[in-house]
Amino acid sequence: MLKKTHAVQFKGAVERQSEATEQVDNPGDVALVERGVPRSLVMRCPDGCGDILTVNLDRRAGPAWRLYQREGGLTLFPSVWRDTGCGAHFIVWDNVIHWTNDAWILRRNSSLERAVEGRLTDELASFVDIAAAVDELPWSVLDACRSLVNSGIAVEGTGAERSSFRLASDSVPTSRARKRRW
């Protein structure tokens, strides 16, 4: 068993799965399979078990993850959860692997928090919908929403509505309820 990692190392883009597999030697190494459009992301399991994971990015081939390549690095959405093998469950966000059984450490981005707060109403909204409305990474918006909850500005739903957020009751204007603006 190899050592567990907390970082992603992008090894490049190739046209074939076999080429990508050859490039991912260490836990967290990733290679993009791209033929006109991104097809899949091949990754050496960051848990250190040695397995090679193939993450589908092409909706035509079935359920697909979203790949974001921005200045901060590579991000995948939603999380990757292996239901076989080592059972790893992790988030890839800005080249960092966040293990879901670890505590969530808020990053605090005040400008994003203001943008997210401006989208919140008295009705619960999924952080994924908010992220699309403000053109941000879903994980960044989830982080901003949880920061707003910690500040008492927002409330997170429970049960089936977990990861959905609304303004805290005392944050909603009393003269009129704020409606979604997207």
N, C-alpha and C. Protein backbone atom coordinates (compact mmCIF):
# COMPACT_ATOMS: atom_id res chain seq x y z
N MET A 1 0.85 -1.19 0.00
CA MET A 1 0.00 0.00 0.00
C MET A 1 0.89 1.24 0.00
N LEU A 2 0.54 2.20 -0.84
CA LEU A 2 1.27 3.46 -0.94
C LEU A 2 0.74 4.44 0.09
N LYS A 3 1.42 5.56 0.23
CA LYS A 3 1.02 6.58 1.21
C LYS A 3 -0.16 7.41 0.69
N LYS A 4 -1.14 7.64 1.55
CA LYS A 4 -2.30 8.50 1.26
C LYS A 4 -1.81 9.92 0.98
N THR A 5 -2.48 10.61 0.06
CA THR A 5 -2.07 11.97 -0.30
C THR A 5 -3.21 12.96 -0.10
N HIS A 6 -2.86 14.23 -0.04
CA HIS A 6 -3.84 15.31 0.07
C HIS A 6 -3.73 16.27 -1.10
N ALA A 7 -3.04 15.86 -2.17
CA ALA A 7 -2.86 16.75 -3.32
C ALA A 7 -3.03 15.98 -4.62
N VAL A 8 -3.46 16.71 -5.64
CA VAL A 8 -3.58 16.18 -6.99
C VAL A 8 -2.41 16.70 -7.80
N GLN A 9 -1.84 15.82 -8.61
CA GLN A 9 -0.77 16.22 -9.53
C GLN A 9 -1.26 15.97 -10.95
N PHE A 10 -1.50 17.06 -11.69
CA PHE A 10 -1.99 16.94 -13.06
C PHE A 10 -0.81 16.57 -13.96
N LYS A 11 -0.92 15.44 -14.67
CA LYS A 11 0.16 14.94 -15.51
C LYS A 11 -0.01 15.28 -16.99
N GLY A 12 -1.17 15.81 -17.36
CA GLY A 12 -1.37 16.22 -18.74
C GLY A 12 -2.61 15.62 -19.36
N ALA A 13 -2.83 16.00 -20.62
CA ALA A 13 -3.98 15.52 -21.39
C ALA A 13 -3.50 14.61 -22.51
N VAL A 14 -4.23 13.54 -22.72
CA VAL A 14 -3.91 12.56 -23.76
C VAL A 14 -5.20 12.17 -24.47
N GLU A 15 -5.07 11.40 -25.55
CA GLU A 15 -6.25 10.99 -26.31
C GLU A 15 -6.80 9.62 -25.91
N ARG A 16 -5.97 8.78 -25.31
CA ARG A 16 -6.39 7.41 -25.02
C ARG A 16 -6.27 7.07 -23.53
N GLN A 17 -7.18 6.23 -23.10
CA GLN A 17 -7.19 5.74 -21.72
C GLN A 17 -5.86 5.07 -21.36
N SER A 18 -5.35 4.26 -22.26
CA SER A 18 -4.10 3.55 -21.99
C SER A 18 -2.94 4.52 -21.77
N GLU A 19 -2.91 5.61 -22.52
CA GLU A 19 -1.86 6.63 -22.34
C GLU A 19 -1.99 7.30 -20.97
N ALA A 20 -3.22 7.57 -20.57
CA ALA A 20 -3.45 8.20 -19.27
C ALA A 20 -3.02 7.28 -18.14
N THR A 21 -3.34 6.01 -18.26
CA THR A 21 -2.99 5.03 -17.23
C THR A 21 -1.47 4.98 -17.03
N GLU A 22 -0.72 5.09 -18.12
CA GLU A 22 0.75 5.07 -18.04
C GLU A 22 1.32 6.28 -17.29
N GLN A 23 0.57 7.37 -17.23
CA GLN A 23 1.08 8.61 -16.63
C GLN A 23 0.81 8.73 -15.13
N VAL A 24 -0.06 7.91 -14.59
CA VAL A 24 -0.46 8.07 -13.19
C VAL A 24 0.23 7.02 -12.31
N ASP A 25 1.40 7.37 -11.82
CA ASP A 25 2.22 6.43 -11.05
C ASP A 25 1.98 6.50 -9.55
N ASN A 26 1.73 7.70 -9.02
CA ASN A 26 1.65 7.91 -7.58
C ASN A 26 0.24 8.30 -7.14
N PRO A 27 -0.10 8.05 -5.87
CA PRO A 27 -1.42 8.46 -5.37
C PRO A 27 -1.68 9.94 -5.65
N GLY A 28 -2.84 10.24 -6.23
CA GLY A 28 -3.21 11.61 -6.54
C GLY A 28 -2.81 12.07 -7.93
N ASP A 29 -2.01 11.30 -8.65
CA ASP A 29 -1.67 11.65 -10.03
C ASP A 29 -2.92 11.54 -10.89
N VAL A 30 -3.15 12.52 -11.77
CA VAL A 30 -4.31 12.50 -12.66
C VAL A 30 -3.89 12.85 -14.08
N ALA A 31 -4.58 12.26 -15.05
CA ALA A 31 -4.38 12.59 -16.46
C ALA A 31 -5.75 12.69 -17.11
N LEU A 32 -5.90 13.64 -17.98
CA LEU A 32 -7.17 13.90 -18.66
C LEU A 32 -7.18 13.19 -20.00
N VAL A 33 -8.25 12.44 -20.27
CA VAL A 33 -8.46 11.83 -21.58
C VAL A 33 -9.39 12.77 -22.32
N GLU A 34 -8.89 13.29 -23.45
CA GLU A 34 -9.62 14.34 -24.17
C GLU A 34 -9.52 14.07 -25.67
N ARG A 35 -10.67 13.94 -26.30
CA ARG A 35 -10.74 13.81 -27.75
C ARG A 35 -11.82 14.79 -28.22
N GLY A 36 -11.40 16.03 -28.43
CA GLY A 36 -12.35 17.08 -28.78
C GLY A 36 -12.99 17.69 -27.56
N VAL A 37 -13.47 16.85 -26.68
CA VAL A 37 -14.06 17.27 -25.40
C VAL A 37 -13.48 16.37 -24.30
N PRO A 38 -13.49 16.83 -23.05
CA PRO A 38 -13.02 15.96 -21.97
C PRO A 38 -13.89 14.70 -21.88
N ARG A 39 -13.23 13.54 -21.87
CA ARG A 39 -13.95 12.25 -21.80
C ARG A 39 -13.89 11.65 -20.40
N SER A 40 -12.69 11.63 -19.82
CA SER A 40 -12.55 11.05 -18.49
C SER A 40 -11.29 11.59 -17.82
N LEU A 41 -11.25 11.40 -16.53
CA LEU A 41 -10.07 11.74 -15.74
C LEU A 41 -9.59 10.44 -15.12
N VAL A 42 -8.36 10.08 -15.43
CA VAL A 42 -7.78 8.86 -14.89
C VAL A 42 -6.92 9.27 -13.70
N MET A 43 -7.10 8.56 -12.59
CA MET A 43 -6.45 8.96 -11.33
C MET A 43 -5.93 7.73 -10.59
N ARG A 44 -4.72 7.84 -10.08
CA ARG A 44 -4.24 6.82 -9.15
C ARG A 44 -4.90 7.14 -7.82
N CYS A 45 -5.61 6.19 -7.23
CA CYS A 45 -6.39 6.45 -6.02
C CYS A 45 -5.54 7.16 -4.97
N PRO A 46 -6.02 8.31 -4.49
CA PRO A 46 -5.25 9.07 -3.52
C PRO A 46 -5.17 8.41 -2.14
N ASP A 47 -5.98 7.36 -1.92
CA ASP A 47 -5.97 6.66 -0.63
C ASP A 47 -4.71 5.82 -0.45
N GLY A 48 -3.99 5.59 -1.55
CA GLY A 48 -2.76 4.81 -1.48
C GLY A 48 -2.95 3.33 -1.72
N CYS A 49 -4.17 2.91 -2.09
CA CYS A 49 -4.42 1.49 -2.32
C CYS A 49 -3.78 0.99 -3.61
N GLY A 50 -3.41 1.92 -4.52
CA GLY A 50 -2.77 1.55 -5.77
C GLY A 50 -3.71 1.41 -6.94
N ASP A 51 -5.01 1.42 -6.71
CA ASP A 51 -5.98 1.27 -7.80
C ASP A 51 -5.98 2.49 -8.72
N ILE A 52 -6.36 2.24 -9.96
CA ILE A 52 -6.54 3.33 -10.91
C ILE A 52 -8.04 3.57 -11.05
N LEU A 53 -8.44 4.83 -10.88
CA LEU A 53 -9.85 5.21 -10.99
C LEU A 53 -10.07 5.92 -12.32
N THR A 54 -11.21 5.68 -12.92
CA THR A 54 -11.60 6.43 -14.11
C THR A 54 -12.87 7.18 -13.78
N VAL A 55 -12.80 8.50 -13.84
CA VAL A 55 -13.93 9.37 -13.52
C VAL A 55 -14.51 9.86 -14.84
N ASN A 56 -15.76 9.50 -15.11
CA ASN A 56 -16.40 9.89 -16.36
C ASN A 56 -16.71 11.39 -16.38
N LEU A 57 -16.33 12.06 -17.46
CA LEU A 57 -16.63 13.49 -17.64
C LEU A 57 -17.58 13.73 -18.80
N ASP A 58 -17.95 12.67 -19.51
CA ASP A 58 -18.76 12.77 -20.73
C ASP A 58 -20.19 12.32 -20.46
N ARG A 59 -21.12 13.26 -20.39
CA ARG A 59 -22.53 12.95 -20.08
C ARG A 59 -23.15 11.96 -21.06
N ARG A 60 -22.61 11.89 -22.27
CA ARG A 60 -23.16 10.95 -23.26
C ARG A 60 -22.91 9.51 -22.86
N ALA A 61 -21.94 9.29 -21.97
CA ALA A 61 -21.57 7.93 -21.56
C ALA A 61 -22.18 7.55 -20.21
N GLY A 62 -23.09 8.37 -19.69
CA GLY A 62 -23.72 8.07 -18.41
C GLY A 62 -23.50 9.18 -17.41
N PRO A 63 -23.79 8.91 -16.13
CA PRO A 63 -23.60 9.94 -15.10
C PRO A 63 -22.16 10.47 -15.15
N ALA A 64 -22.02 11.79 -15.10
CA ALA A 64 -20.70 12.39 -15.29
C ALA A 64 -20.40 13.43 -14.22
N TRP A 65 -19.14 13.52 -13.87
CA TRP A 65 -18.64 14.56 -12.98
C TRP A 65 -18.36 15.80 -13.81
N ARG A 66 -18.30 16.93 -13.14
CA ARG A 66 -17.89 18.17 -13.79
C ARG A 66 -16.43 18.43 -13.45
N LEU A 67 -15.66 18.79 -14.45
CA LEU A 67 -14.26 19.13 -14.26
C LEU A 67 -14.10 20.63 -14.45
N TYR A 68 -13.47 21.27 -13.48
CA TYR A 68 -13.17 22.69 -13.56
C TYR A 68 -11.65 22.83 -13.54
N GLN A 69 -11.10 23.54 -14.50
CA GLN A 69 -9.67 23.85 -14.51
C GLN A 69 -9.55 25.36 -14.50
N ARG A 70 -9.25 25.88 -13.33
CA ARG A 70 -9.15 27.33 -13.15
C ARG A 70 -7.80 27.66 -12.56
N GLU A 71 -7.60 28.94 -12.30
CA GLU A 71 -6.32 29.41 -11.78
C GLU A 71 -5.89 28.66 -10.52
N GLY A 72 -6.84 28.36 -9.65
CA GLY A 72 -6.52 27.67 -8.40
C GLY A 72 -6.14 26.21 -8.58
N GLY A 73 -6.46 25.65 -9.73
CA GLY A 73 -6.13 24.26 -10.00
C GLY A 73 -7.33 23.47 -10.47
N LEU A 74 -7.22 22.18 -10.37
CA LEU A 74 -8.24 21.26 -10.85
C LEU A 74 -9.27 20.98 -9.76
N THR A 75 -10.55 21.00 -10.15
CA THR A 75 -11.65 20.70 -9.23
C THR A 75 -12.60 19.72 -9.90
N LEU A 76 -13.08 18.74 -9.14
CA LEU A 76 -14.10 17.80 -9.60
C LEU A 76 -15.35 17.99 -8.78
N PHE A 77 -16.49 17.85 -9.42
CA PHE A 77 -17.76 17.91 -8.71
C PHE A 77 -18.70 16.89 -9.32
N PRO A 78 -19.40 16.09 -8.53
CA PRO A 78 -19.42 16.02 -7.07
C PRO A 78 -18.21 15.25 -6.53
N SER A 79 -18.31 14.83 -5.28
CA SER A 79 -17.22 14.08 -4.65
C SER A 79 -17.06 12.72 -5.34
N VAL A 80 -15.91 12.12 -5.12
CA VAL A 80 -15.63 10.78 -5.64
C VAL A 80 -15.77 9.81 -4.47
N TRP A 81 -16.63 8.84 -4.63
CA TRP A 81 -16.88 7.87 -3.58
C TRP A 81 -16.76 6.47 -4.17
N ARG A 82 -15.74 5.76 -3.76
CA ARG A 82 -15.53 4.40 -4.24
C ARG A 82 -16.40 3.45 -3.44
N ASP A 83 -17.32 2.79 -4.10
CA ASP A 83 -18.16 1.83 -3.39
C ASP A 83 -17.57 0.42 -3.46
N THR A 84 -16.39 0.31 -4.08
CA THR A 84 -15.65 -0.95 -4.12
C THR A 84 -14.21 -0.66 -3.69
N GLY A 85 -13.41 -1.70 -3.61
CA GLY A 85 -12.00 -1.50 -3.28
C GLY A 85 -11.82 -0.89 -1.90
N CYS A 86 -11.02 0.17 -1.82
CA CYS A 86 -10.67 0.77 -0.53
C CYS A 86 -11.81 1.59 0.09
N GLY A 87 -12.84 1.93 -0.68
CA GLY A 87 -13.98 2.68 -0.15
C GLY A 87 -13.70 4.15 0.07
N ALA A 88 -12.66 4.68 -0.55
CA ALA A 88 -12.29 6.10 -0.37
C ALA A 88 -13.44 7.03 -0.77
N HIS A 89 -13.57 8.13 -0.05
CA HIS A 89 -14.56 9.17 -0.36
C HIS A 89 -13.87 10.51 -0.17
N PHE A 90 -13.77 11.27 -1.26
CA PHE A 90 -12.99 12.50 -1.21
C PHE A 90 -13.52 13.54 -2.18
N ILE A 91 -13.09 14.77 -1.94
CA ILE A 91 -13.41 15.92 -2.79
C ILE A 91 -12.10 16.40 -3.39
N VAL A 92 -12.11 16.73 -4.68
CA VAL A 92 -10.96 17.36 -5.32
C VAL A 92 -11.35 18.82 -5.56
N TRP A 93 -10.62 19.74 -4.92
CA TRP A 93 -10.94 21.17 -4.99
C TRP A 93 -9.64 21.95 -5.05
N ASP A 94 -9.42 22.63 -6.16
CA ASP A 94 -8.21 23.44 -6.36
C ASP A 94 -6.94 22.64 -6.08
N ASN A 95 -6.85 21.47 -6.68
CA ASN A 95 -5.69 20.57 -6.57
C ASN A 95 -5.48 19.98 -5.18
N VAL A 96 -6.41 20.18 -4.27
CA VAL A 96 -6.31 19.62 -2.92
C VAL A 96 -7.35 18.52 -2.77
N ILE A 97 -6.95 17.43 -2.15
CA ILE A 97 -7.87 16.34 -1.85
C ILE A 97 -8.35 16.52 -0.42
N HIS A 98 -9.66 16.68 -0.29
CA HIS A 98 -10.29 16.81 1.03
C HIS A 98 -11.00 15.50 1.32
N TRP A 99 -10.56 14.82 2.36
CA TRP A 99 -11.18 13.56 2.75
C TRP A 99 -12.47 13.86 3.50
N THR A 100 -13.55 13.20 3.12
CA THR A 100 -14.85 13.54 3.69
C THR A 100 -14.98 13.19 5.16
N ASN A 101 -14.12 12.33 5.66
CA ASN A 101 -14.19 12.01 7.09
C ASN A 101 -13.32 12.97 7.92
N ASP A 102 -12.66 13.92 7.27
CA ASP A 102 -11.90 14.96 7.98
C ASP A 102 -12.80 16.16 8.23
N ALA A 103 -12.46 16.97 9.20
CA ALA A 103 -13.23 18.19 9.50
C ALA A 103 -13.12 19.17 8.32
N TRP A 104 -14.22 19.85 8.02
CA TRP A 104 -14.24 20.86 6.97
C TRP A 104 -13.65 22.15 7.54
N ILE A 105 -12.60 22.63 6.93
CA ILE A 105 -11.96 23.87 7.38
C ILE A 105 -12.36 24.98 6.43
N LEU A 106 -13.07 25.99 6.95
CA LEU A 106 -13.54 27.09 6.12
C LEU A 106 -12.38 27.90 5.56
N ARG A 107 -12.49 28.28 4.30
CA ARG A 107 -11.44 29.06 3.65
C ARG A 107 -11.66 30.56 3.78
N ARG A 108 -12.86 31.00 4.01
CA ARG A 108 -13.26 32.41 4.16
C ARG A 108 -12.85 33.27 2.96
N ASN A 109 -13.81 33.55 2.11
CA ASN A 109 -13.62 34.43 0.97
C ASN A 109 -14.73 35.48 1.06
N SER A 110 -14.42 36.65 1.61
CA SER A 110 -15.45 37.64 1.92
C SER A 110 -16.18 38.13 0.67
N SER A 111 -15.49 38.28 -0.46
CA SER A 111 -16.19 38.75 -1.66
C SER A 111 -17.17 37.69 -2.18
N LEU A 112 -16.79 36.43 -2.11
CA LEU A 112 -17.70 35.36 -2.52
C LEU A 112 -18.86 35.26 -1.52
N GLU A 113 -18.58 35.41 -0.24
CA GLU A 113 -19.65 35.37 0.76
C GLU A 113 -20.68 36.46 0.49
N ARG A 114 -20.23 37.65 0.11
CA ARG A 114 -21.17 38.74 -0.22
C ARG A 114 -22.01 38.38 -1.45
N ALA A 115 -21.37 37.81 -2.46
CA ALA A 115 -22.09 37.41 -3.68
C ALA A 115 -23.13 36.33 -3.36
N VAL A 116 -22.75 35.37 -2.54
CA VAL A 116 -23.68 34.30 -2.16
C VAL A 116 -24.81 34.85 -1.31
N GLU A 117 -24.48 35.70 -0.35
CA GLU A 117 -25.53 36.30 0.49
C GLU A 117 -26.53 37.05 -0.37
N GLY A 118 -26.07 37.71 -1.42
CA GLY A 118 -26.96 38.43 -2.32
C GLY A 118 -27.91 37.53 -3.09
N ARG A 119 -27.59 36.25 -3.18
CA ARG A 119 -28.45 35.28 -3.87
C ARG A 119 -29.40 34.55 -2.93
N LEU A 120 -29.13 34.60 -1.65
CA LEU A 120 -29.99 33.90 -0.69
C LEU A 120 -31.30 34.64 -0.48
N THR A 121 -32.35 33.89 -0.24
CA THR A 121 -33.67 34.45 0.03
C THR A 121 -34.22 33.76 1.28
N ASP A 122 -35.51 33.88 1.49
CA ASP A 122 -36.14 33.18 2.60
C ASP A 122 -36.49 31.73 2.24
N GLU A 123 -36.19 31.32 1.01
CA GLU A 123 -36.44 29.95 0.56
C GLU A 123 -35.12 29.21 0.42
N LEU A 124 -35.10 27.93 0.80
CA LEU A 124 -33.89 27.14 0.67
C LEU A 124 -33.48 27.00 -0.79
N ALA A 125 -32.19 27.13 -1.04
CA ALA A 125 -31.63 26.94 -2.38
C ALA A 125 -30.38 26.08 -2.27
N SER A 126 -30.23 25.15 -3.19
CA SER A 126 -29.07 24.28 -3.21
C SER A 126 -27.80 25.08 -3.51
N PHE A 127 -26.72 24.72 -2.84
CA PHE A 127 -25.45 25.40 -3.12
C PHE A 127 -25.02 25.21 -4.57
N VAL A 128 -25.45 24.12 -5.20
CA VAL A 128 -25.11 23.87 -6.61
C VAL A 128 -25.80 24.90 -7.50
N ASP A 129 -27.08 25.20 -7.21
CA ASP A 129 -27.80 26.22 -7.98
C ASP A 129 -27.21 27.60 -7.75
N ILE A 130 -26.83 27.89 -6.52
CA ILE A 130 -26.21 29.18 -6.21
C ILE A 130 -24.88 29.30 -6.95
N ALA A 131 -24.10 28.23 -6.98
CA ALA A 131 -22.81 28.24 -7.67
C ALA A 131 -22.98 28.54 -9.15
N ALA A 132 -23.99 27.94 -9.77
CA ALA A 132 -24.25 28.21 -11.19
C ALA A 132 -24.64 29.67 -11.39
N ALA A 133 -25.42 30.22 -10.48
CA ALA A 133 -25.88 31.61 -10.60
C ALA A 133 -24.75 32.61 -10.47
N VAL A 134 -23.75 32.30 -9.65
CA VAL A 134 -22.64 33.25 -9.45
C VAL A 134 -21.38 32.81 -10.20
N ASP A 135 -21.48 31.76 -11.02
CA ASP A 135 -20.37 31.25 -11.83
C ASP A 135 -19.13 30.97 -10.99
N GLU A 136 -19.33 30.17 -9.96
CA GLU A 136 -18.23 29.80 -9.06
C GLU A 136 -18.20 28.28 -8.89
N LEU A 137 -17.10 27.79 -8.37
CA LEU A 137 -16.98 26.37 -8.08
C LEU A 137 -17.99 25.97 -7.00
N PRO A 138 -18.68 24.86 -7.18
CA PRO A 138 -19.64 24.44 -6.16
C PRO A 138 -19.03 24.31 -4.77
N TRP A 139 -17.81 23.77 -4.67
CA TRP A 139 -17.19 23.62 -3.35
C TRP A 139 -16.91 24.98 -2.72
N SER A 140 -16.53 25.97 -3.52
CA SER A 140 -16.28 27.32 -2.99
C SER A 140 -17.57 27.93 -2.45
N VAL A 141 -18.67 27.70 -3.17
CA VAL A 141 -19.96 28.24 -2.73
C VAL A 141 -20.44 27.51 -1.47
N LEU A 142 -20.27 26.21 -1.41
CA LEU A 142 -20.63 25.48 -0.19
C LEU A 142 -19.85 26.03 1.00
N ASP A 143 -18.57 26.28 0.79
CA ASP A 143 -17.73 26.85 1.83
C ASP A 143 -18.25 28.22 2.26
N ALA A 144 -18.60 29.07 1.29
CA ALA A 144 -19.13 30.41 1.60
C ALA A 144 -20.46 30.30 2.35
N CYS A 145 -21.32 29.38 1.92
CA CYS A 145 -22.60 29.19 2.61
C CYS A 145 -22.39 28.77 4.05
N ARG A 146 -21.49 27.84 4.28
CA ARG A 146 -21.24 27.38 5.65
C ARG A 146 -20.61 28.48 6.50
N SER A 147 -19.82 29.33 5.88
CA SER A 147 -19.26 30.48 6.58
C SER A 147 -20.38 31.44 6.98
N LEU A 148 -21.34 31.65 6.08
CA LEU A 148 -22.49 32.52 6.39
C LEU A 148 -23.34 31.91 7.51
N VAL A 149 -23.45 30.60 7.54
CA VAL A 149 -24.17 29.93 8.64
C VAL A 149 -23.43 30.18 9.95
N ASN A 150 -22.11 30.03 9.94
CA ASN A 150 -21.32 30.26 11.16
C ASN A 150 -21.44 31.70 11.64
N SER A 151 -21.67 32.63 10.72
CA SER A 151 -21.81 34.05 11.07
C SER A 151 -23.24 34.41 11.48
N GLY A 152 -24.17 33.45 11.37
CA GLY A 152 -25.56 33.71 11.74
C GLY A 152 -26.36 34.39 10.65
N ILE A 153 -25.80 34.53 9.45
CA ILE A 153 -26.48 35.20 8.34
C ILE A 153 -27.37 34.23 7.58
N ALA A 154 -26.98 32.95 7.54
CA ALA A 154 -27.73 31.95 6.78
C ALA A 154 -28.04 30.75 7.66
N VAL A 155 -28.95 29.92 7.15
CA VAL A 155 -29.35 28.68 7.82
C VAL A 155 -29.25 27.57 6.79
N GLU A 156 -28.72 26.41 7.23
CA GLU A 156 -28.65 25.25 6.35
C GLU A 156 -29.85 24.35 6.61
N GLY A 157 -30.41 23.79 5.55
CA GLY A 157 -31.51 22.85 5.68
C GLY A 157 -31.05 21.58 6.38
N THR A 158 -32.00 20.75 6.75
CA THR A 158 -31.69 19.49 7.42
C THR A 158 -32.28 18.34 6.61
N GLY A 159 -31.85 17.13 6.94
CA GLY A 159 -32.36 15.94 6.27
C GLY A 159 -32.13 16.01 4.78
N ALA A 160 -33.21 15.81 4.01
CA ALA A 160 -33.11 15.82 2.55
C ALA A 160 -32.73 17.20 2.01
N GLU A 161 -32.88 18.23 2.82
CA GLU A 161 -32.56 19.60 2.38
C GLU A 161 -31.18 20.05 2.87
N ARG A 162 -30.39 19.11 3.37
CA ARG A 162 -29.02 19.45 3.76
C ARG A 162 -28.27 19.94 2.53
N SER A 163 -27.36 20.86 2.71
CA SER A 163 -26.60 21.51 1.63
C SER A 163 -27.44 22.48 0.83
N SER A 164 -28.61 22.83 1.35
CA SER A 164 -29.43 23.93 0.81
C SER A 164 -29.45 25.00 1.89
N PHE A 165 -29.49 26.25 1.44
CA PHE A 165 -29.33 27.37 2.37
C PHE A 165 -30.35 28.46 2.11
N ARG A 166 -30.66 29.21 3.16
CA ARG A 166 -31.53 30.38 3.07
C ARG A 166 -31.02 31.41 4.05
N LEU A 167 -31.53 32.63 3.92
CA LEU A 167 -31.18 33.66 4.90
C LEU A 167 -31.75 33.28 6.26
N ALA A 168 -31.05 33.62 7.31
CA ALA A 168 -31.58 33.44 8.66
C ALA A 168 -32.80 34.34 8.81
N SER A 169 -33.77 33.94 9.60
CA SER A 169 -35.03 34.69 9.73
C SER A 169 -34.82 36.16 10.02
N ASP A 170 -33.86 36.48 10.88
CA ASP A 170 -33.65 37.89 11.20
C ASP A 170 -32.88 38.64 10.11
N SER A 171 -32.44 37.91 9.05
CA SER A 171 -31.75 38.56 7.93
C SER A 171 -32.70 38.89 6.79
N VAL A 172 -33.92 38.32 6.81
CA VAL A 172 -34.89 38.55 5.74
C VAL A 172 -35.60 39.87 5.99
N PRO A 173 -35.64 40.77 5.01
CA PRO A 173 -36.36 42.03 5.20
C PRO A 173 -37.82 41.77 5.56
N THR A 174 -38.35 42.49 6.53
CA THR A 174 -39.72 42.27 6.99
C THR A 174 -40.75 42.87 6.05
N SER A 175 -40.41 43.91 5.31
CA SER A 175 -41.39 44.56 4.43
C SER A 175 -41.76 43.69 3.24
N ARG A 176 -40.83 42.86 2.79
CA ARG A 176 -41.13 41.97 1.67
C ARG A 176 -40.16 40.80 1.71
N ALA A 177 -40.63 39.66 1.34
CA ALA A 177 -39.74 38.49 1.28
C ALA A 177 -38.89 38.59 0.02
N ARG A 178 -37.61 38.30 0.16
CA ARG A 178 -36.72 38.34 -1.01
C ARG A 178 -36.95 37.08 -1.82
N LYS A 179 -37.03 37.23 -3.11
CA LYS A 179 -37.23 36.10 -4.01
C LYS A 179 -35.94 35.80 -4.75
N ARG A 180 -35.82 34.57 -5.22
CA ARG A 180 -34.62 34.19 -5.97
C ARG A 180 -34.45 35.08 -7.18
N ARG A 181 -33.17 35.38 -7.49
CA ARG A 181 -32.87 36.24 -8.62
C ARG A 181 -32.09 35.51 -9.70
N TRP A 182 -32.40 34.27 -9.92
CA TRP A 182 -31.74 33.57 -11.03
C TRP A 182 -32.68 32.71 -11.77
